[in-house]
Amino acid sequence: MLLSTLPAGAGQRRLALTVVAVSAVFFAIAAPLAQRPPTPVAAFIQIYESALVINDLITAALLPPCWCSHSASGSGAMASTA
């Protein structure tokens, strides 16, 4: 039985609708700012690359425990992607 196949409960549906409503409110607040051009940032590429490296490091730190639990259960999904 997979978590993705289980039906959502009433509380989970309420939480999902709340998240959608809050996102819509933030979008409505931020929409007028879309007409204003952003200020140029000289170090944009360096900042973006730093964020990518940090994201990759976090992923690399979290992936081995996930791989170990799958390989212990006999699933070849992670082994086939390597």
N, C-alpha and C. Protein backbone atom coordinates (compact mmCIF):
# COMPACT_ATOMS: atom_id res chain seq x y z
N MET A 1 0.85 -1.17 0.00
CA MET A 1 0.00 0.00 0.00
C MET A 1 0.90 1.24 0.00
N LEU A 2 0.68 2.10 -0.95
CA LEU A 2 1.46 3.32 -1.07
C LEU A 2 0.71 4.50 -0.47
N LEU A 3 1.47 5.43 0.06
CA LEU A 3 0.86 6.63 0.65
C LEU A 3 0.11 7.43 -0.41
N SER A 4 0.62 7.42 -1.64
CA SER A 4 -0.02 8.19 -2.71
C SER A 4 -1.36 7.61 -3.13
N THR A 5 -1.66 6.36 -2.78
CA THR A 5 -2.93 5.76 -3.18
C THR A 5 -3.99 5.86 -2.08
N LEU A 6 -3.60 6.31 -0.89
CA LEU A 6 -4.57 6.44 0.19
C LEU A 6 -5.43 7.68 -0.01
N PRO A 7 -6.72 7.60 0.33
CA PRO A 7 -7.58 8.78 0.19
C PRO A 7 -7.24 9.82 1.25
N ALA A 8 -7.40 11.09 0.87
CA ALA A 8 -7.13 12.19 1.80
C ALA A 8 -8.28 12.32 2.79
N GLY A 9 -7.94 12.60 4.03
CA GLY A 9 -8.95 12.82 5.05
C GLY A 9 -9.47 14.25 4.99
N ALA A 10 -10.46 14.54 5.83
CA ALA A 10 -11.07 15.87 5.84
C ALA A 10 -10.06 16.93 6.28
N GLY A 11 -9.24 16.62 7.27
CA GLY A 11 -8.24 17.57 7.73
C GLY A 11 -7.19 17.86 6.68
N GLN A 12 -6.80 16.84 5.94
CA GLN A 12 -5.80 17.02 4.89
C GLN A 12 -6.37 17.85 3.73
N ARG A 13 -7.63 17.64 3.41
CA ARG A 13 -8.26 18.44 2.37
C ARG A 13 -8.37 19.90 2.81
N ARG A 14 -8.72 20.11 4.07
CA ARG A 14 -8.83 21.46 4.61
C ARG A 14 -7.47 22.15 4.57
N LEU A 15 -6.41 21.43 4.94
CA LEU A 15 -5.06 21.98 4.90
C LEU A 15 -4.67 22.35 3.47
N ALA A 16 -4.96 21.47 2.52
CA ALA A 16 -4.62 21.75 1.12
C ALA A 16 -5.37 22.98 0.60
N LEU A 17 -6.64 23.10 0.93
CA LEU A 17 -7.41 24.27 0.50
C LEU A 17 -6.91 25.54 1.16
N THR A 18 -6.46 25.45 2.41
CA THR A 18 -5.90 26.61 3.10
C THR A 18 -4.61 27.06 2.42
N VAL A 19 -3.76 26.11 2.06
CA VAL A 19 -2.50 26.43 1.38
C VAL A 19 -2.79 27.09 0.03
N VAL A 20 -3.77 26.59 -0.70
CA VAL A 20 -4.14 27.17 -2.00
C VAL A 20 -4.68 28.59 -1.80
N ALA A 21 -5.51 28.80 -0.78
CA ALA A 21 -6.08 30.12 -0.53
C ALA A 21 -4.99 31.13 -0.15
N VAL A 22 -4.07 30.72 0.72
CA VAL A 22 -2.98 31.62 1.12
C VAL A 22 -2.09 31.94 -0.08
N SER A 23 -1.82 30.96 -0.92
CA SER A 23 -1.02 31.19 -2.12
C SER A 23 -1.73 32.18 -3.06
N ALA A 24 -3.03 32.05 -3.20
CA ALA A 24 -3.79 32.96 -4.06
C ALA A 24 -3.75 34.39 -3.52
N VAL A 25 -3.82 34.53 -2.20
CA VAL A 25 -3.74 35.86 -1.59
C VAL A 25 -2.37 36.47 -1.85
N PHE A 26 -1.31 35.70 -1.65
CA PHE A 26 0.04 36.21 -1.91
C PHE A 26 0.21 36.58 -3.38
N PHE A 27 -0.36 35.79 -4.28
CA PHE A 27 -0.29 36.10 -5.70
C PHE A 27 -1.01 37.41 -6.00
N ALA A 28 -2.19 37.60 -5.41
CA ALA A 28 -2.95 38.82 -5.64
C ALA A 28 -2.20 40.05 -5.11
N ILE A 29 -1.49 39.88 -4.00
CA ILE A 29 -0.72 40.99 -3.45
C ILE A 29 0.49 41.29 -4.33
N ALA A 30 1.14 40.26 -4.85
CA ALA A 30 2.36 40.44 -5.63
C ALA A 30 2.10 40.77 -7.10
N ALA A 31 0.91 40.55 -7.60
CA ALA A 31 0.62 40.76 -9.02
C ALA A 31 0.91 42.19 -9.49
N PRO A 32 0.57 43.24 -8.74
CA PRO A 32 0.89 44.59 -9.21
C PRO A 32 2.39 44.84 -9.34
N LEU A 33 3.21 44.11 -8.62
CA LEU A 33 4.65 44.29 -8.70
C LEU A 33 5.23 43.75 -10.00
N ALA A 34 4.47 42.98 -10.75
CA ALA A 34 4.96 42.38 -11.99
C ALA A 34 5.19 43.43 -13.08
N GLN A 35 4.53 44.57 -12.98
CA GLN A 35 4.69 45.61 -14.00
C GLN A 35 5.97 46.41 -13.79
N ARG A 36 6.54 46.34 -12.61
CA ARG A 36 7.76 47.09 -12.31
C ARG A 36 8.97 46.23 -12.66
N PRO A 37 9.90 46.75 -13.46
CA PRO A 37 11.07 45.93 -13.81
C PRO A 37 11.98 45.73 -12.59
N PRO A 38 12.57 44.55 -12.46
CA PRO A 38 13.46 44.31 -11.33
C PRO A 38 14.76 45.09 -11.47
N THR A 39 15.36 45.39 -10.34
CA THR A 39 16.65 46.07 -10.39
C THR A 39 17.73 45.07 -10.77
N PRO A 40 18.65 45.45 -11.63
CA PRO A 40 19.70 44.51 -12.03
C PRO A 40 20.66 44.20 -10.88
N VAL A 41 21.06 42.95 -10.78
CA VAL A 41 22.00 42.51 -9.76
C VAL A 41 23.25 42.02 -10.49
N ALA A 42 24.39 42.64 -10.17
CA ALA A 42 25.63 42.32 -10.88
C ALA A 42 26.09 40.89 -10.60
N ALA A 43 25.86 40.41 -9.40
CA ALA A 43 26.36 39.08 -9.01
C ALA A 43 25.27 38.02 -9.08
N PHE A 44 24.33 38.17 -10.00
CA PHE A 44 23.20 37.23 -10.07
C PHE A 44 23.67 35.80 -10.34
N ILE A 45 24.55 35.63 -11.31
CA ILE A 45 25.00 34.28 -11.68
C ILE A 45 25.72 33.62 -10.51
N GLN A 46 26.56 34.35 -9.81
CA GLN A 46 27.29 33.78 -8.68
C GLN A 46 26.33 33.38 -7.56
N ILE A 47 25.35 34.22 -7.29
CA ILE A 47 24.37 33.90 -6.24
C ILE A 47 23.56 32.68 -6.64
N TYR A 48 23.14 32.62 -7.90
CA TYR A 48 22.35 31.50 -8.40
C TYR A 48 23.15 30.20 -8.33
N GLU A 49 24.41 30.24 -8.74
CA GLU A 49 25.25 29.05 -8.69
C GLU A 49 25.48 28.60 -7.25
N SER A 50 25.65 29.54 -6.33
CA SER A 50 25.82 29.19 -4.91
C SER A 50 24.58 28.49 -4.38
N ALA A 51 23.41 28.99 -4.77
CA ALA A 51 22.17 28.35 -4.33
C ALA A 51 22.06 26.94 -4.91
N LEU A 52 22.47 26.75 -6.15
CA LEU A 52 22.44 25.42 -6.75
C LEU A 52 23.38 24.45 -6.04
N VAL A 53 24.56 24.93 -5.68
CA VAL A 53 25.52 24.07 -4.98
C VAL A 53 24.98 23.67 -3.61
N ILE A 54 24.39 24.63 -2.89
CA ILE A 54 23.82 24.31 -1.58
C ILE A 54 22.68 23.31 -1.72
N ASN A 55 21.84 23.50 -2.73
CA ASN A 55 20.74 22.58 -2.99
C ASN A 55 21.26 21.18 -3.30
N ASP A 56 22.31 21.09 -4.10
CA ASP A 56 22.89 19.79 -4.44
C ASP A 56 23.52 19.13 -3.21
N LEU A 57 24.16 19.91 -2.36
CA LEU A 57 24.75 19.35 -1.14
C LEU A 57 23.69 18.80 -0.19
N ILE A 58 22.60 19.53 -0.07
CA ILE A 58 21.50 19.04 0.79
C ILE A 58 20.92 17.76 0.20
N THR A 59 20.73 17.73 -1.11
CA THR A 59 20.21 16.53 -1.76
C THR A 59 21.16 15.36 -1.57
N ALA A 60 22.46 15.61 -1.73
CA ALA A 60 23.45 14.55 -1.56
C ALA A 60 23.48 14.04 -0.13
N ALA A 61 23.24 14.91 0.83
CA ALA A 61 23.24 14.49 2.23
C ALA A 61 21.99 13.68 2.57
N LEU A 62 20.87 13.98 1.92
CA LEU A 62 19.62 13.29 2.23
C LEU A 62 19.42 12.03 1.40
N LEU A 63 20.10 11.90 0.27
CA LEU A 63 19.88 10.77 -0.62
C LEU A 63 20.44 9.45 -0.11
N PRO A 64 21.62 9.35 0.49
CA PRO A 64 22.13 8.05 0.93
C PRO A 64 21.21 7.30 1.90
N PRO A 65 20.62 7.96 2.92
CA PRO A 65 19.70 7.20 3.77
C PRO A 65 18.51 6.65 2.99
N CYS A 66 18.04 7.41 2.02
CA CYS A 66 16.93 6.96 1.19
C CYS A 66 17.36 5.76 0.36
N TRP A 67 18.56 5.82 -0.20
CA TRP A 67 19.07 4.72 -1.02
C TRP A 67 19.28 3.48 -0.19
N CYS A 68 19.80 3.65 1.03
CA CYS A 68 20.06 2.50 1.89
C CYS A 68 18.76 1.79 2.28
N SER A 69 17.72 2.57 2.57
CA SER A 69 16.46 1.94 2.96
C SER A 69 15.83 1.21 1.79
N HIS A 70 16.00 1.73 0.57
CA HIS A 70 15.44 1.05 -0.60
C HIS A 70 16.25 -0.18 -0.95
N SER A 71 17.56 -0.10 -0.82
CA SER A 71 18.37 -1.27 -1.20
C SER A 71 18.22 -2.38 -0.18
N ALA A 72 17.93 -2.04 1.07
CA ALA A 72 17.74 -3.06 2.09
C ALA A 72 16.42 -3.80 1.88
N SER A 73 15.45 -3.11 1.31
CA SER A 73 14.15 -3.75 1.10
C SER A 73 14.11 -4.55 -0.21
N GLY A 74 15.18 -4.48 -0.98
CA GLY A 74 15.23 -5.27 -2.21
C GLY A 74 14.73 -4.53 -3.43
N SER A 75 14.46 -3.25 -3.30
CA SER A 75 13.99 -2.50 -4.45
C SER A 75 15.17 -2.11 -5.31
N GLY A 76 15.08 -2.35 -6.59
CA GLY A 76 16.14 -2.02 -7.52
C GLY A 76 15.96 -0.67 -8.16
N ALA A 77 15.02 0.13 -7.69
CA ALA A 77 14.73 1.42 -8.32
C ALA A 77 15.93 2.35 -8.25
N MET A 78 16.56 2.46 -7.10
CA MET A 78 17.69 3.36 -6.96
C MET A 78 18.91 2.79 -7.67
N ALA A 79 19.07 1.50 -7.66
CA ALA A 79 20.23 0.89 -8.31
C ALA A 79 20.15 1.06 -9.82
N SER A 80 18.94 1.04 -10.36
CA SER A 80 18.81 1.16 -11.80
C SER A 80 19.03 2.58 -12.29
N THR A 81 18.91 3.59 -11.40
CA THR A 81 19.13 4.96 -11.80
C THR A 81 20.59 5.36 -11.72
N ALA A 82 21.41 4.55 -11.08
CA ALA A 82 22.83 4.91 -10.89
C ALA A 82 23.61 4.69 -12.15
